[in-house]
Structure formats: C-alpha cells, structure tokens
Amino acid sequence: MTSKELLYLEDALGHEEFFKNKCYETASALQDENLRHCAEQMAQSHEQIFSSLYSLLHC
C-alpha cells in the first residue's frame, strides 16, 4: 500500500469515527423513539464501515 493510500485510510477512519460518535450523541438526545433508533442504526453502519476500513490495514 502506498503512503498516499495509507493517508486516505487514516482520513476515512477518522471521518467514520466522527460520524459514529455524532450519531450516538444525537441518538441519546432524541426523544422520539423512531428517530433515536434510526440514529443508532446509522451509528452502527459507520461502525461497520470503520471496521471494514481498519481491516484493510491488517491484511
């Protein structure tokens, strides 16, 4: 993997972690159960994307 590709992965990991945290933060502030569930699902999606990207570093 080139250094440019590694920098891209580092950036992408940071973005996914940020999005995940913001979704969980938003979910905890929501009163509506449906919206809270939706935000939690989005957080889980970002967590899965993070894991997929992270696994590329350990191949």
PDB file of N, CA and C in Angstrom:
ATOM      1  N   MET A   1       0.845  -1.165   0.000  1.00  0.00           N
ATOM      2  CA  MET A   1       0.000   0.000   0.000  1.00  0.00           C
ATOM      3  C   MET A   1       0.899   1.239   0.000  1.00  0.00           C
ATOM      4  N   THR A   2       0.546   2.205  -0.818  1.00  0.00           N
ATOM      5  CA  THR A   2       1.365   3.412  -0.899  1.00  0.00           C
ATOM      6  C   THR A   2       1.093   4.330   0.290  1.00  0.00           C
ATOM      7  N   SER A   3       1.979   5.278   0.499  1.00  0.00           N
ATOM      8  CA  SER A   3       1.790   6.227   1.604  1.00  0.00           C
ATOM      9  C   SER A   3       0.540   7.083   1.385  1.00  0.00           C
ATOM     10  N   LYS A   4       0.246   7.390   0.124  1.00  0.00           N
ATOM     11  CA  LYS A   4      -0.962   8.172  -0.175  1.00  0.00           C
ATOM     12  C   LYS A   4      -2.216   7.368   0.169  1.00  0.00           C
ATOM     13  N   GLU A   5      -2.207   6.083  -0.119  1.00  0.00           N
ATOM     14  CA  GLU A   5      -3.344   5.228   0.222  1.00  0.00           C
ATOM     15  C   GLU A   5      -3.514   5.110   1.731  1.00  0.00           C
ATOM     16  N   LEU A   6      -2.400   5.006   2.446  1.00  0.00           N
ATOM     17  CA  LEU A   6      -2.458   4.939   3.901  1.00  0.00           C
ATOM     18  C   LEU A   6      -3.029   6.231   4.485  1.00  0.00           C
ATOM     19  N   LEU A   7      -2.647   7.374   3.918  1.00  0.00           N
ATOM     20  CA  LEU A   7      -3.193   8.651   4.374  1.00  0.00           C
ATOM     21  C   LEU A   7      -4.697   8.723   4.119  1.00  0.00           C
ATOM     22  N   TYR A   8      -5.126   8.209   2.969  1.00  0.00           N
ATOM     23  CA  TYR A   8      -6.554   8.178   2.666  1.00  0.00           C
ATOM     24  C   TYR A   8      -7.298   7.336   3.704  1.00  0.00           C
ATOM     25  N   LEU A   9      -6.774   6.159   4.016  1.00  0.00           N
ATOM     26  CA  LEU A   9      -7.405   5.288   5.007  1.00  0.00           C
ATOM     27  C   LEU A   9      -7.448   5.950   6.384  1.00  0.00           C
ATOM     28  N   GLU A  10      -6.374   6.618   6.748  1.00  0.00           N
ATOM     29  CA  GLU A  10      -6.342   7.318   8.034  1.00  0.00           C
ATOM     30  C   GLU A  10      -7.430   8.393   8.087  1.00  0.00           C
ATOM     31  N   ASP A  11      -7.572   9.137   7.019  1.00  0.00           N
ATOM     32  CA  ASP A  11      -8.621  10.154   6.926  1.00  0.00           C
ATOM     33  C   ASP A  11     -10.009   9.523   7.005  1.00  0.00           C
ATOM     34  N   ALA A  12     -10.211   8.474   6.237  1.00  0.00           N
ATOM     35  CA  ALA A  12     -11.509   7.811   6.193  1.00  0.00           C
ATOM     36  C   ALA A  12     -11.870   7.236   7.566  1.00  0.00           C
ATOM     37  N   LEU A  13     -10.892   6.651   8.257  1.00  0.00           N
ATOM     38  CA  LEU A  13     -11.139   6.119   9.598  1.00  0.00           C
ATOM     39  C   LEU A  13     -11.559   7.233  10.554  1.00  0.00           C
ATOM     40  N   GLY A  14     -10.881   8.354  10.470  1.00  0.00           N
ATOM     41  CA  GLY A  14     -11.225   9.498  11.324  1.00  0.00           C
ATOM     42  C   GLY A  14     -12.632   9.999  11.056  1.00  0.00           C
ATOM     43  N   HIS A  15     -12.998  10.063   9.785  1.00  0.00           N
ATOM     44  CA  HIS A  15     -14.342  10.525   9.432  1.00  0.00           C
ATOM     45  C   HIS A  15     -15.412   9.554   9.934  1.00  0.00           C
ATOM     46  N   GLU A  16     -15.186   8.279   9.741  1.00  0.00           N
ATOM     47  CA  GLU A  16     -16.164   7.289  10.177  1.00  0.00           C
ATOM     48  C   GLU A  16     -16.327   7.296  11.691  1.00  0.00           C
ATOM     49  N   GLU A  17     -15.229   7.450  12.410  1.00  0.00           N
ATOM     50  CA  GLU A  17     -15.327   7.506  13.869  1.00  0.00           C
ATOM     51  C   GLU A  17     -16.091   8.758  14.306  1.00  0.00           C
ATOM     52  N   PHE A  18     -15.831   9.881  13.649  1.00  0.00           N
ATOM     53  CA  PHE A  18     -16.544  11.126  13.947  1.00  0.00           C
ATOM     54  C   PHE A  18     -18.043  10.957  13.701  1.00  0.00           C
ATOM     55  N   PHE A  19     -18.407  10.409  12.534  1.00  0.00           N
ATOM     56  CA  PHE A  19     -19.822  10.219  12.197  1.00  0.00           C
ATOM     57  C   PHE A  19     -20.499   9.280  13.197  1.00  0.00           C
ATOM     58  N   LYS A  20     -19.814   8.195  13.543  1.00  0.00           N
ATOM     59  CA  LYS A  20     -20.366   7.239  14.513  1.00  0.00           C
ATOM     60  C   LYS A  20     -20.648   7.937  15.843  1.00  0.00           C
ATOM     61  N   ASN A  21     -19.675   8.686  16.330  1.00  0.00           N
ATOM     62  CA  ASN A  21     -19.841   9.375  17.607  1.00  0.00           C
ATOM     63  C   ASN A  21     -20.967  10.397  17.558  1.00  0.00           C
ATOM     64  N   LYS A  22     -21.065  11.144  16.468  1.00  0.00           N
ATOM     65  CA  LYS A  22     -22.127  12.142  16.327  1.00  0.00           C
ATOM     66  C   LYS A  22     -23.503  11.478  16.269  1.00  0.00           C
ATOM     67  N   CYS A  23     -23.596  10.340  15.595  1.00  0.00           N
ATOM     68  CA  CYS A  23     -24.880   9.632  15.528  1.00  0.00           C
ATOM     69  C   CYS A  23     -25.299   9.133  16.907  1.00  0.00           C
ATOM     70  N   TYR A  24     -24.362   8.560  17.668  1.00  0.00           N
ATOM     71  CA  TYR A  24     -24.685   8.102  19.017  1.00  0.00           C
ATOM     72  C   TYR A  24     -25.050   9.282  19.918  1.00  0.00           C
ATOM     73  N   GLU A  25     -24.321  10.370  19.774  1.00  0.00           N
ATOM     74  CA  GLU A  25     -24.599  11.576  20.552  1.00  0.00           C
ATOM     75  C   GLU A  25     -26.000  12.109  20.238  1.00  0.00           C
ATOM     76  N   THR A  26     -26.321  12.142  18.965  1.00  0.00           N
ATOM     77  CA  THR A  26     -27.638  12.607  18.539  1.00  0.00           C
ATOM     78  C   THR A  26     -28.728  11.672  19.032  1.00  0.00           C
ATOM     79  N   ALA A  27     -28.488  10.372  18.923  1.00  0.00           N
ATOM     80  CA  ALA A  27     -29.478   9.385  19.364  1.00  0.00           C
ATOM     81  C   ALA A  27     -29.796   9.563  20.845  1.00  0.00           C
ATOM     82  N   SER A  28     -28.790   9.833  21.636  1.00  0.00           N
ATOM     83  CA  SER A  28     -29.025   9.977  23.078  1.00  0.00           C
ATOM     84  C   SER A  28     -29.813  11.240  23.405  1.00  0.00           C
ATOM     85  N   ALA A  29     -29.813  12.216  22.503  1.00  0.00           N
ATOM     86  CA  ALA A  29     -30.532  13.466  22.744  1.00  0.00           C
ATOM     87  C   ALA A  29     -31.957  13.449  22.183  1.00  0.00           C
ATOM     88  N   LEU A  30     -32.273  12.461  21.374  1.00  0.00           N
ATOM     89  CA  LEU A  30     -33.593  12.423  20.738  1.00  0.00           C
ATOM     90  C   LEU A  30     -34.649  11.837  21.669  1.00  0.00           C
ATOM     91  N   GLN A  31     -35.823  12.438  21.649  1.00  0.00           N
ATOM     92  CA  GLN A  31     -36.952  11.950  22.438  1.00  0.00           C
ATOM     93  C   GLN A  31     -37.780  10.925  21.657  1.00  0.00           C
ATOM     94  N   ASP A  32     -37.902  11.156  20.358  1.00  0.00           N
ATOM     95  CA  ASP A  32     -38.701  10.276  19.514  1.00  0.00           C
ATOM     96  C   ASP A  32     -37.989   8.933  19.342  1.00  0.00           C
ATOM     97  N   GLU A  33     -38.667   7.868  19.710  1.00  0.00           N
ATOM     98  CA  GLU A  33     -38.052   6.534  19.679  1.00  0.00           C
ATOM     99  C   GLU A  33     -37.653   6.105  18.265  1.00  0.00           C
ATOM    100  N   ASN A  34     -38.489   6.415  17.276  1.00  0.00           N
ATOM    101  CA  ASN A  34     -38.173   6.045  15.889  1.00  0.00           C
ATOM    102  C   ASN A  34     -36.936   6.775  15.385  1.00  0.00           C
ATOM    103  N   LEU A  35     -36.854   8.058  15.674  1.00  0.00           N
ATOM    104  CA  LEU A  35     -35.675   8.824  15.248  1.00  0.00           C
ATOM    105  C   LEU A  35     -34.423   8.342  15.977  1.00  0.00           C
ATOM    106  N   ARG A  36     -34.568   8.055  17.275  1.00  0.00           N
ATOM    107  CA  ARG A  36     -33.425   7.568  18.048  1.00  0.00           C
ATOM    108  C   ARG A  36     -32.934   6.240  17.470  1.00  0.00           C
ATOM    109  N   HIS A  37     -33.854   5.361  17.139  1.00  0.00           N
ATOM    110  CA  HIS A  37     -33.494   4.066  16.547  1.00  0.00           C
ATOM    111  C   HIS A  37     -32.782   4.267  15.206  1.00  0.00           C
ATOM    112  N   CYS A  38     -33.284   5.192  14.404  1.00  0.00           N
ATOM    113  CA  CYS A  38     -32.663   5.488  13.113  1.00  0.00           C
ATOM    114  C   CYS A  38     -31.225   5.992  13.301  1.00  0.00           C
ATOM    115  N   ALA A  39     -31.021   6.904  14.243  1.00  0.00           N
ATOM    116  CA  ALA A  39     -29.677   7.439  14.507  1.00  0.00           C
ATOM    117  C   ALA A  39     -28.751   6.340  15.019  1.00  0.00           C
ATOM    118  N   GLU A  40     -29.276   5.445  15.832  1.00  0.00           N
ATOM    119  CA  GLU A  40     -28.459   4.332  16.328  1.00  0.00           C
ATOM    120  C   GLU A  40     -28.069   3.387  15.197  1.00  0.00           C
ATOM    121  N   GLN A  41     -28.986   3.151  14.270  1.00  0.00           N
ATOM    122  CA  GLN A  41     -28.675   2.308  13.107  1.00  0.00           C
ATOM    123  C   GLN A  41     -27.598   2.958  12.246  1.00  0.00           C
ATOM    124  N   MET A  42     -27.695   4.270  12.078  1.00  0.00           N
ATOM    125  CA  MET A  42     -26.671   4.980  11.301  1.00  0.00           C
ATOM    126  C   MET A  42     -25.313   4.863  11.989  1.00  0.00           C
ATOM    127  N   ALA A  43     -25.296   4.979  13.308  1.00  0.00           N
ATOM    128  CA  ALA A  43     -24.042   4.842  14.066  1.00  0.00           C
ATOM    129  C   ALA A  43     -23.451   3.451  13.868  1.00  0.00           C
ATOM    130  N   GLN A  44     -24.300   2.435  13.901  1.00  0.00           N
ATOM    131  CA  GLN A  44     -23.822   1.066  13.707  1.00  0.00           C
ATOM    132  C   GLN A  44     -23.275   0.871  12.296  1.00  0.00           C
ATOM    133  N   SER A  45     -23.896   1.516  11.321  1.00  0.00           N
ATOM    134  CA  SER A  45     -23.390   1.435   9.939  1.00  0.00           C
ATOM    135  C   SER A  45     -22.000   2.047   9.843  1.00  0.00           C
ATOM    136  N   HIS A  46     -21.817   3.199  10.481  1.00  0.00           N
ATOM    137  CA  HIS A  46     -20.498   3.834  10.457  1.00  0.00           C
ATOM    138  C   HIS A  46     -19.474   2.997  11.212  1.00  0.00           C
ATOM    139  N   GLU A  47     -19.913   2.319  12.260  1.00  0.00           N
ATOM    140  CA  GLU A  47     -19.021   1.430  12.998  1.00  0.00           C
ATOM    141  C   GLU A  47     -18.573   0.263  12.121  1.00  0.00           C
ATOM    142  N   GLN A  48     -19.485  -0.284  11.326  1.00  0.00           N
ATOM    143  CA  GLN A  48     -19.142  -1.378  10.414  1.00  0.00           C
ATOM    144  C   GLN A  48     -18.192  -0.908   9.317  1.00  0.00           C
ATOM    145  N   ILE A  49     -18.438   0.278   8.783  1.00  0.00           N
ATOM    146  CA  ILE A  49     -17.551   0.824   7.754  1.00  0.00           C
ATOM    147  C   ILE A  49     -16.159   1.025   8.338  1.00  0.00           C
ATOM    148  N   PHE A  50     -16.096   1.572   9.570  1.00  0.00           N
ATOM    149  CA  PHE A  50     -14.815   1.767  10.249  1.00  0.00           C
ATOM    150  C   PHE A  50     -14.078   0.436  10.356  1.00  0.00           C
ATOM    151  N   SER A  51     -14.789  -0.592  10.792  1.00  0.00           N
ATOM    152  CA  SER A  51     -14.168  -1.919  10.950  1.00  0.00           C
ATOM    153  C   SER A  51     -13.657  -2.462   9.623  1.00  0.00           C
ATOM    154  N   SER A  52     -14.427  -2.264   8.577  1.00  0.00           N
ATOM    155  CA  SER A  52     -14.010  -2.731   7.242  1.00  0.00           C
ATOM    156  C   SER A  52     -12.751  -2.015   6.779  1.00  0.00           C
ATOM    157  N   LEU A  53     -12.719  -0.708   6.966  1.00  0.00           N
ATOM    158  CA  LEU A  53     -11.531   0.057   6.579  1.00  0.00           C
ATOM    159  C   LEU A  53     -10.326  -0.353   7.422  1.00  0.00           C
ATOM    160  N   TYR A  54     -10.553  -0.512   8.725  1.00  0.00           N
ATOM    161  CA  TYR A  54      -9.481  -0.877   9.628  1.00  0.00           C
ATOM    162  C   TYR A  54      -8.885  -2.238   9.273  1.00  0.00           C
ATOM    163  N   SER A  55      -9.747  -3.147   8.831  1.00  0.00           N
ATOM    164  CA  SER A  55      -9.267  -4.485   8.475  1.00  0.00           C
ATOM    165  C   SER A  55      -8.340  -4.439   7.255  1.00  0.00           C
ATOM    166  N   LEU A  56      -8.464  -3.432   6.425  1.00  0.00           N
ATOM    167  CA  LEU A  56      -7.561  -3.286   5.285  1.00  0.00           C
ATOM    168  C   LEU A  56      -6.127  -3.060   5.722  1.00  0.00           C
ATOM    169  N   LEU A  57      -5.965  -2.491   6.897  1.00  0.00           N
ATOM    170  CA  LEU A  57      -4.618  -2.215   7.410  1.00  0.00           C
ATOM    171  C   LEU A  57      -3.944  -3.466   7.954  1.00  0.00           C
ATOM    172  N   HIS A  58      -4.690  -4.503   8.207  1.00  0.00           N
ATOM    173  CA  HIS A  58      -4.136  -5.717   8.803  1.00  0.00           C
ATOM    174  C   HIS A  58      -4.097  -6.888   7.820  1.00  0.00           C
ATOM    175  N   CYS A  59      -4.074  -6.603   6.559  1.00  0.00           N
ATOM    176  CA  CYS A  59      -4.015  -7.676   5.554  1.00  0.00           C
ATOM    177  C   CYS A  59      -2.584  -8.013   5.210  1.00  0.00           C
TER     178      CYS A  59
END
